[in-house]
Protein backbone atom coordinates (compact mmCIF):
# COMPACT_ATOMS: atom_id res chain seq x y z
CA MET A 1 -19.56 -24.26 -29.36
CA ASP A 2 -21.15 -23.41 -26.04
CA LYS A 3 -20.34 -20.28 -24.05
CA ALA A 4 -17.86 -22.06 -21.75
CA GLU A 5 -15.84 -23.27 -24.73
CA PHE A 6 -15.96 -19.81 -26.31
CA VAL A 7 -14.78 -18.09 -23.12
CA ALA A 8 -12.13 -20.75 -22.50
CA LYS A 9 -10.60 -20.06 -25.91
CA GLN A 10 -10.37 -16.37 -24.99
CA LEU A 11 -8.75 -17.12 -21.62
CA HIS A 12 -6.44 -19.96 -22.53
CA HIS A 13 -3.48 -17.54 -22.62
CA LEU A 14 -3.93 -17.04 -18.85
CA ALA A 15 -3.35 -20.76 -18.28
CA PRO A 16 -0.29 -21.55 -20.38
CA GLY A 17 0.63 -25.18 -20.52
CA ARG A 18 -2.86 -26.33 -19.56
CA ARG A 19 -4.94 -28.47 -21.88
CA ALA A 20 -7.86 -26.77 -23.59
CA LYS A 21 -10.34 -29.19 -22.04
CA ASP A 22 -9.04 -28.30 -18.55
CA VAL A 23 -9.62 -24.61 -19.25
CA VAL A 24 -13.14 -25.38 -20.51
CA SER A 25 -13.83 -27.42 -17.38
CA ALA A 26 -12.64 -24.59 -15.13
CA VAL A 27 -14.78 -22.04 -16.99
CA ARG A 28 -17.81 -24.32 -16.59
CA MET A 29 -17.15 -24.53 -12.85
CA ILE A 30 -16.85 -20.76 -12.66
CA ASP A 31 -20.10 -20.38 -14.61
CA ASN A 32 -21.90 -22.67 -12.16
CA PHE A 33 -20.54 -20.86 -9.10
CA ARG A 34 -21.30 -17.39 -10.48
CA THR A 35 -25.01 -18.25 -10.65
CA VAL A 36 -24.91 -18.78 -6.87
CA ASN A 37 -22.74 -15.75 -6.12
CA PRO A 38 -20.89 -13.72 -8.79
CA SER A 39 -18.24 -12.48 -6.36
CA PRO A 40 -14.75 -13.50 -7.57
CA ALA A 41 -13.70 -14.10 -3.95
CA PHE A 42 -16.60 -16.52 -3.43
CA ILE A 43 -15.83 -18.32 -6.68
CA GLN A 44 -12.14 -18.53 -5.76
CA GLY A 45 -13.06 -20.08 -2.40
CA GLU A 46 -15.25 -22.68 -4.06
CA LEU A 47 -12.65 -23.53 -6.69
CA THR A 48 -9.89 -24.02 -4.14
CA LYS A 49 -11.97 -26.74 -2.48
CA THR A 50 -11.20 -28.99 -5.47
CA LEU A 51 -8.32 -27.27 -7.28
CA SER A 52 -4.89 -26.19 -6.10
CA ARG A 53 -4.55 -22.60 -4.90
CA ASN A 54 -1.61 -22.34 -7.32
CA ALA A 55 -3.65 -23.39 -10.37
CA PRO A 56 -4.12 -20.60 -12.91
CA PHE A 57 -7.88 -21.20 -12.77
CA THR A 58 -8.05 -20.17 -9.11
CA GLN A 59 -6.28 -16.85 -9.63
CA LEU A 60 -8.48 -13.77 -9.29
CA GLU A 61 -7.43 -12.39 -12.69
CA PHE A 62 -8.62 -15.56 -14.44
CA ILE A 63 -11.86 -15.67 -12.43
CA GLU A 64 -12.66 -11.97 -12.95
CA GLN A 65 -12.14 -12.20 -16.70
CA ALA A 66 -14.15 -15.42 -16.93
CA VAL A 67 -17.08 -13.90 -15.01
CA ALA A 68 -17.02 -10.77 -17.17
CA LYS A 69 -16.90 -12.73 -20.43
CA LEU A 70 -19.54 -15.25 -19.29
CA SER A 71 -21.84 -12.38 -18.29
CA THR A 72 -21.64 -10.82 -21.73
CA ARG A 73 -22.34 -14.19 -23.41
CA SER A 74 -25.46 -14.95 -21.33
């Protein structure tokens, strides 16, 4: 299990009703964007270019927790 899958399992409760593979995909996107700029606002802006603003993956709480958990798994 890679770090995106591990973090996605921990955050799946923040995206109820979403498939596990969608959560993993979102965490991978967040991981890629955080290497450019770890700011949650920057990541949110990048995510909303391809995902709905209403998606749980584009909410600051989800992004902040993903960044924090990805940082500790690096």
